[in-house]
């Protein structure tokens, strides 16, 4: 896997992912919305940790400044 995520993108994903998980854990959302936000939160956090977003490949995106 080649890194395709820059530091700003990584930070934004971590913050949004943690907020989604916080909303689920605290009970601010429920039902289907809680499941969707929980899954998205985990996906955002995992992709931020590994610095790779599979969706960027078909879209041709790369926010990483390294070459």
PDB file of N, CA and C in Angstrom:
ATOM      1  N   UNK A   1       0.827  -1.177   0.000  1.00  0.00           N
ATOM      2  CA  UNK A   1       0.000   0.000   0.000  1.00  0.00           C
ATOM      3  C   UNK A   1       0.875   1.245   0.000  1.00  0.00           C
ATOM      4  N   UNK A   2       0.599   2.108  -0.921  1.00  0.00           N
ATOM      5  CA  UNK A   2       1.323   3.367  -0.999  1.00  0.00           C
ATOM      6  C   UNK A   2       0.530   4.441  -0.240  1.00  0.00           C
ATOM      7  N   UNK A   3       1.232   5.230   0.539  1.00  0.00           N
ATOM      8  CA  UNK A   3       0.591   6.294   1.317  1.00  0.00           C
ATOM      9  C   UNK A   3      -0.015   7.322   0.360  1.00  0.00           C
ATOM     10  N   UNK A   4      -1.273   7.687   0.576  1.00  0.00           N
ATOM     11  CA  UNK A   4      -1.910   8.690  -0.273  1.00  0.00           C
ATOM     12  C   UNK A   4      -2.692   9.726   0.532  1.00  0.00           C
ATOM     13  N   UNK A   5      -2.346   9.862   1.813  1.00  0.00           N
ATOM     14  CA  UNK A   5      -3.072  10.791   2.666  1.00  0.00           C
ATOM     15  C   UNK A   5      -2.099  11.707   3.411  1.00  0.00           C
ATOM     16  N   UNK A   6      -2.305  13.003   3.269  1.00  0.00           N
ATOM     17  CA  UNK A   6      -1.452  13.987   3.932  1.00  0.00           C
ATOM     18  C   UNK A   6      -1.854  14.216   5.381  1.00  0.00           C
ATOM     19  N   UNK A   7      -1.080  15.023   6.070  1.00  0.00           N
ATOM     20  CA  UNK A   7      -1.299  15.235   7.504  1.00  0.00           C
ATOM     21  C   UNK A   7      -2.612  15.976   7.799  1.00  0.00           C
ATOM     22  N   UNK A   8      -2.975  16.941   6.978  1.00  0.00           N
ATOM     23  CA  UNK A   8      -4.226  17.672   7.199  1.00  0.00           C
ATOM     24  C   UNK A   8      -5.420  16.741   7.021  1.00  0.00           C
ATOM     25  N   UNK A   9      -5.394  15.958   5.965  1.00  0.00           N
ATOM     26  CA  UNK A   9      -6.455  14.989   5.697  1.00  0.00           C
ATOM     27  C   UNK A   9      -6.529  13.965   6.824  1.00  0.00           C
ATOM     28  N   UNK A  10      -5.382  13.524   7.283  1.00  0.00           N
ATOM     29  CA  UNK A  10      -5.309  12.524   8.353  1.00  0.00           C
ATOM     30  C   UNK A  10      -5.901  13.080   9.653  1.00  0.00           C
ATOM     31  N   UNK A  11      -5.544  14.296   9.998  1.00  0.00           N
ATOM     32  CA  UNK A  11      -6.061  14.922  11.212  1.00  0.00           C
ATOM     33  C   UNK A  11      -7.569  15.112  11.134  1.00  0.00           C
ATOM     34  N   UNK A  12      -8.048  15.568   9.994  1.00  0.00           N
ATOM     35  CA  UNK A  12      -9.485  15.782   9.821  1.00  0.00           C
ATOM     36  C   UNK A  12     -10.245  14.465   9.963  1.00  0.00           C
ATOM     37  N   UNK A  13      -9.723  13.395   9.389  1.00  0.00           N
ATOM     38  CA  UNK A  13     -10.379  12.089   9.498  1.00  0.00           C
ATOM     39  C   UNK A  13     -10.401  11.595  10.938  1.00  0.00           C
ATOM     40  N   UNK A  14      -9.305  11.786  11.658  1.00  0.00           N
ATOM     41  CA  UNK A  14      -9.265  11.361  13.058  1.00  0.00           C
ATOM     42  C   UNK A  14     -10.294  12.115  13.893  1.00  0.00           C
ATOM     43  N   UNK A  15     -10.370  13.427  13.717  1.00  0.00           N
ATOM     44  CA  UNK A  15     -11.314  14.238  14.484  1.00  0.00           C
ATOM     45  C   UNK A  15     -12.752  13.852  14.157  1.00  0.00           C
ATOM     46  N   UNK A  16     -13.084  13.747  12.879  1.00  0.00           N
ATOM     47  CA  UNK A  16     -14.448  13.399  12.480  1.00  0.00           C
ATOM     48  C   UNK A  16     -14.794  11.981  12.940  1.00  0.00           C
ATOM     49  N   UNK A  17     -13.862  11.059  12.781  1.00  0.00           N
ATOM     50  CA  UNK A  17     -14.096   9.684  13.221  1.00  0.00           C
ATOM     51  C   UNK A  17     -14.346   9.595  14.711  1.00  0.00           C
ATOM     52  N   UNK A  18     -13.547  10.313  15.485  1.00  0.00           N
ATOM     53  CA  UNK A  18     -13.747  10.315  16.938  1.00  0.00           C
ATOM     54  C   UNK A  18     -15.069  10.973  17.330  1.00  0.00           C
ATOM     55  N   UNK A  19     -15.444  12.038  16.636  1.00  0.00           N
ATOM     56  CA  UNK A  19     -16.736  12.686  16.916  1.00  0.00           C
ATOM     57  C   UNK A  19     -17.904  11.752  16.596  1.00  0.00           C
ATOM     58  N   UNK A  20     -17.811  11.020  15.484  1.00  0.00           N
ATOM     59  CA  UNK A  20     -18.864  10.059  15.129  1.00  0.00           C
ATOM     60  C   UNK A  20     -18.990   8.986  16.207  1.00  0.00           C
ATOM     61  N   UNK A  21     -17.849   8.443  16.635  1.00  0.00           N
ATOM     62  CA  UNK A  21     -17.886   7.402  17.663  1.00  0.00           C
ATOM     63  C   UNK A  21     -18.374   7.952  18.997  1.00  0.00           C
ATOM     64  N   UNK A  22     -17.990   9.161  19.321  1.00  0.00           N
ATOM     65  CA  UNK A  22     -18.457   9.798  20.549  1.00  0.00           C
ATOM     66  C   UNK A  22     -19.974   9.961  20.527  1.00  0.00           C
ATOM     67  N   UNK A  23     -20.516  10.367  19.390  1.00  0.00           N
ATOM     68  CA  UNK A  23     -21.968  10.536  19.266  1.00  0.00           C
ATOM     69  C   UNK A  23     -22.698   9.214  19.487  1.00  0.00           C
ATOM     70  N   UNK A  24     -22.108   8.125  19.002  1.00  0.00           N
ATOM     71  CA  UNK A  24     -22.737   6.812  19.186  1.00  0.00           C
ATOM     72  C   UNK A  24     -22.623   6.360  20.633  1.00  0.00           C
ATOM     73  N   UNK A  25     -21.430   6.468  21.207  1.00  0.00           N
ATOM     74  CA  UNK A  25     -21.198   5.994  22.578  1.00  0.00           C
ATOM     75  C   UNK A  25     -22.009   6.802  23.598  1.00  0.00           C
ATOM     76  N   UNK A  26     -22.105   8.086  23.388  1.00  0.00           N
ATOM     77  CA  UNK A  26     -22.837   8.945  24.324  1.00  0.00           C
ATOM     78  C   UNK A  26     -24.358   8.844  24.141  1.00  0.00           C
ATOM     79  N   UNK A  27     -24.799   8.198  23.084  1.00  0.00           N
ATOM     80  CA  UNK A  27     -26.227   8.028  22.863  1.00  0.00           C
ATOM     81  C   UNK A  27     -26.908   9.219  22.230  1.00  0.00           C
ATOM     82  N   UNK A  28     -26.137  10.093  21.618  1.00  0.00           N
ATOM     83  CA  UNK A  28     -26.717  11.264  20.960  1.00  0.00           C
ATOM     84  C   UNK A  28     -27.475  10.886  19.700  1.00  0.00           C
ATOM     85  N   UNK A  29     -27.133   9.756  19.120  1.00  0.00           N
ATOM     86  CA  UNK A  29     -27.840   9.232  17.951  1.00  0.00           C
ATOM     87  C   UNK A  29     -28.218   7.793  18.248  1.00  0.00           C
ATOM     88  N   UNK A  30     -29.227   7.302  17.547  1.00  0.00           N
ATOM     89  CA  UNK A  30     -29.649   5.921  17.776  1.00  0.00           C
ATOM     90  C   UNK A  30     -30.164   5.329  16.475  1.00  0.00           C
ATOM     91  N   UNK A  31     -30.404   4.049  16.507  1.00  0.00           N
ATOM     92  CA  UNK A  31     -30.959   3.352  15.353  1.00  0.00           C
ATOM     93  C   UNK A  31     -29.974   3.221  14.210  1.00  0.00           C
ATOM     94  N   UNK A  32     -30.512   3.329  13.017  1.00  0.00           N
ATOM     95  CA  UNK A  32     -29.708   3.164  11.808  1.00  0.00           C
ATOM     96  C   UNK A  32     -28.622   4.232  11.721  1.00  0.00           C
ATOM     97  N   UNK A  33     -28.940   5.435  12.113  1.00  0.00           N
ATOM     98  CA  UNK A  33     -27.952   6.516  12.079  1.00  0.00           C
ATOM     99  C   UNK A  33     -26.756   6.193  12.971  1.00  0.00           C
ATOM    100  N   UNK A  34     -26.997   5.598  14.114  1.00  0.00           N
ATOM    101  CA  UNK A  34     -25.910   5.223  15.017  1.00  0.00           C
ATOM    102  C   UNK A  34     -25.011   4.174  14.372  1.00  0.00           C
ATOM    103  N   UNK A  35     -25.605   3.216  13.703  1.00  0.00           N
ATOM    104  CA  UNK A  35     -24.816   2.177  13.029  1.00  0.00           C
ATOM    105  C   UNK A  35     -23.982   2.783  11.919  1.00  0.00           C
ATOM    106  N   UNK A  36     -24.593   3.632  11.106  1.00  0.00           N
ATOM    107  CA  UNK A  36     -23.878   4.273  10.000  1.00  0.00           C
ATOM    108  C   UNK A  36     -22.734   5.130  10.519  1.00  0.00           C
ATOM    109  N   UNK A  37     -22.988   5.957  11.515  1.00  0.00           N
ATOM    110  CA  UNK A  37     -21.936   6.810  12.076  1.00  0.00           C
ATOM    111  C   UNK A  37     -20.850   5.987  12.752  1.00  0.00           C
ATOM    112  N   UNK A  38     -21.219   4.902  13.397  1.00  0.00           N
ATOM    113  CA  UNK A  38     -20.235   4.033  14.027  1.00  0.00           C
ATOM    114  C   UNK A  38     -19.302   3.403  13.008  1.00  0.00           C
ATOM    115  N   UNK A  39     -19.866   2.898  11.923  1.00  0.00           N
ATOM    116  CA  UNK A  39     -19.048   2.288  10.862  1.00  0.00           C
ATOM    117  C   UNK A  39     -18.165   3.341  10.198  1.00  0.00           C
ATOM    118  N   UNK A  40     -18.733   4.483   9.876  1.00  0.00           N
ATOM    119  CA  UNK A  40     -17.941   5.554   9.265  1.00  0.00           C
ATOM    120  C   UNK A  40     -16.837   6.036  10.196  1.00  0.00           C
ATOM    121  N   UNK A  41     -17.136   6.141  11.469  1.00  0.00           N
ATOM    122  CA  UNK A  41     -16.128   6.556  12.437  1.00  0.00           C
ATOM    123  C   UNK A  41     -14.950   5.595  12.470  1.00  0.00           C
ATOM    124  N   UNK A  42     -15.233   4.308  12.490  1.00  0.00           N
ATOM    125  CA  UNK A  42     -14.163   3.301  12.499  1.00  0.00           C
ATOM    126  C   UNK A  42     -13.373   3.355  11.203  1.00  0.00           C
ATOM    127  N   UNK A  43     -14.062   3.469  10.070  1.00  0.00           N
ATOM    128  CA  UNK A  43     -13.371   3.540   8.774  1.00  0.00           C
ATOM    129  C   UNK A  43     -12.469   4.768   8.707  1.00  0.00           C
ATOM    130  N   UNK A  44     -12.976   5.914   9.149  1.00  0.00           N
ATOM    131  CA  UNK A  44     -12.165   7.141   9.131  1.00  0.00           C
ATOM    132  C   UNK A  44     -10.920   6.998  10.003  1.00  0.00           C
ATOM    133  N   UNK A  45     -11.084   6.436  11.181  1.00  0.00           N
ATOM    134  CA  UNK A  45      -9.944   6.276  12.089  1.00  0.00           C
ATOM    135  C   UNK A  45      -8.923   5.287  11.522  1.00  0.00           C
ATOM    136  N   UNK A  46      -9.377   4.171  11.002  1.00  0.00           N
ATOM    137  CA  UNK A  46      -8.454   3.173  10.442  1.00  0.00           C
ATOM    138  C   UNK A  46      -7.708   3.737   9.237  1.00  0.00           C
ATOM    139  N   UNK A  47      -8.405   4.404   8.338  1.00  0.00           N
ATOM    140  CA  UNK A  47      -7.718   4.967   7.172  1.00  0.00           C
ATOM    141  C   UNK A  47      -6.747   6.062   7.575  1.00  0.00           C
ATOM    142  N   UNK A  48      -7.052   6.798   8.627  1.00  0.00           N
ATOM    143  CA  UNK A  48      -6.119   7.825   9.112  1.00  0.00           C
ATOM    144  C   UNK A  48      -4.873   7.185   9.708  1.00  0.00           C
ATOM    145  N   UNK A  49      -5.055   6.088  10.420  1.00  0.00           N
ATOM    146  CA  UNK A  49      -3.917   5.410  11.039  1.00  0.00           C
ATOM    147  C   UNK A  49      -2.992   4.805   9.987  1.00  0.00           C
ATOM    148  N   UNK A  50      -3.565   4.158   8.971  1.00  0.00           N
ATOM    149  CA  UNK A  50      -2.724   3.516   7.946  1.00  0.00           C
ATOM    150  C   UNK A  50      -2.319   4.475   6.830  1.00  0.00           C
ATOM    151  N   UNK A  51      -2.860   5.686   6.857  1.00  0.00           N
ATOM    152  CA  UNK A  51      -2.532   6.746   5.889  1.00  0.00           C
ATOM    153  C   UNK A  51      -2.820   6.347   4.451  1.00  0.00           C
ATOM    154  N   UNK A  52      -3.859   5.565   4.260  1.00  0.00           N
ATOM    155  CA  UNK A  52      -4.231   5.107   2.924  1.00  0.00           C
ATOM    156  C   UNK A  52      -5.747   5.077   2.816  1.00  0.00           C
ATOM    157  N   UNK A  53      -6.265   5.696   1.750  1.00  0.00           N
ATOM    158  CA  UNK A  53      -7.701   5.683   1.490  1.00  0.00           C
ATOM    159  C   UNK A  53      -7.947   4.965   0.167  1.00  0.00           C
ATOM    160  N   UNK A  54      -8.601   3.804   0.192  1.00  0.00           N
ATOM    161  CA  UNK A  54      -8.853   3.063  -1.040  1.00  0.00           C
ATOM    162  C   UNK A  54      -9.720   3.833  -2.046  1.00  0.00           C
ATOM    163  N   UNK A  55     -10.576   4.707  -1.556  1.00  0.00           N
ATOM    164  CA  UNK A  55     -11.444   5.489  -2.442  1.00  0.00           C
ATOM    165  C   UNK A  55     -10.652   6.485  -3.285  1.00  0.00           C
ATOM    166  N   UNK A  56      -9.480   6.887  -2.804  1.00  0.00           N
ATOM    167  CA  UNK A  56      -8.649   7.834  -3.542  1.00  0.00           C
ATOM    168  C   UNK A  56      -8.089   7.229  -4.828  1.00  0.00           C
ATOM    169  N   UNK A  57      -7.896   5.915  -4.867  1.00  0.00           N
ATOM    170  CA  UNK A  57      -7.303   5.270  -6.049  1.00  0.00           C
ATOM    171  C   UNK A  57      -8.128   5.485  -7.322  1.00  0.00           C
ATOM    172  N   UNK A  58      -9.401   5.088  -7.348  1.00  0.00           N
ATOM    173  CA  UNK A  58     -10.165   5.297  -8.585  1.00  0.00           C
ATOM    174  C   UNK A  58     -10.406   6.772  -8.912  1.00  0.00           C
ATOM    175  N   UNK A  59     -10.380   7.612  -7.880  1.00  0.00           N
ATOM    176  CA  UNK A  59     -10.594   9.040  -8.099  1.00  0.00           C
ATOM    177  C   UNK A  59      -9.306   9.768  -8.487  1.00  0.00           C
ATOM    178  N   UNK A  60      -8.170   9.083  -8.327  1.00  0.00           N
ATOM    179  CA  UNK A  60      -6.882   9.681  -8.680  1.00  0.00           C
ATOM    180  C   UNK A  60      -6.430  10.767  -7.716  1.00  0.00           C
ATOM    181  N   UNK A  61      -6.866  10.691  -6.473  1.00  0.00           N
ATOM    182  CA  UNK A  61      -6.509  11.705  -5.484  1.00  0.00           C
ATOM    183  C   UNK A  61      -5.291  11.269  -4.678  1.00  0.00           C
ATOM    184  N   UNK A  62      -4.520  12.253  -4.240  1.00  0.00           N
ATOM    185  CA  UNK A  62      -3.374  12.026  -3.381  1.00  0.00           C
ATOM    186  C   UNK A  62      -3.115  13.320  -2.620  1.00  0.00           C
ATOM    187  N   UNK A  63      -3.369  13.309  -1.317  1.00  0.00           N
ATOM    188  CA  UNK A  63      -3.172  14.520  -0.516  1.00  0.00           C
ATOM    189  C   UNK A  63      -1.818  14.518   0.196  1.00  0.00           C
ATOM    190  N   UNK A  64      -1.034  13.484  -0.044  1.00  0.00           N
ATOM    191  CA  UNK A  64       0.282  13.367   0.589  1.00  0.00           C
ATOM    192  C   UNK A  64       1.303  14.148  -0.233  1.00  0.00           C
ATOM    193  N   UNK A  65       2.138  14.917   0.442  1.00  0.00           N
ATOM    194  CA  UNK A  65       3.131  15.733  -0.268  1.00  0.00           C
ATOM    195  C   UNK A  65       4.378  14.931  -0.624  1.00  0.00           C
ATOM    196  N   UNK A  66       4.567  13.765   0.044  1.00  0.00           N
ATOM    197  CA  UNK A  66       5.718  12.924  -0.263  1.00  0.00           C
ATOM    198  C   UNK A  66       5.554  12.255  -1.612  1.00  0.00           C
ATOM    199  N   UNK A  67       6.690  11.946  -2.239  1.00  0.00           N
ATOM    200  CA  UNK A  67       6.638  11.236  -3.521  1.00  0.00           C
ATOM    201  C   UNK A  67       7.386   9.952  -3.447  1.00  0.00           C
TER     202      UNK A  67
END
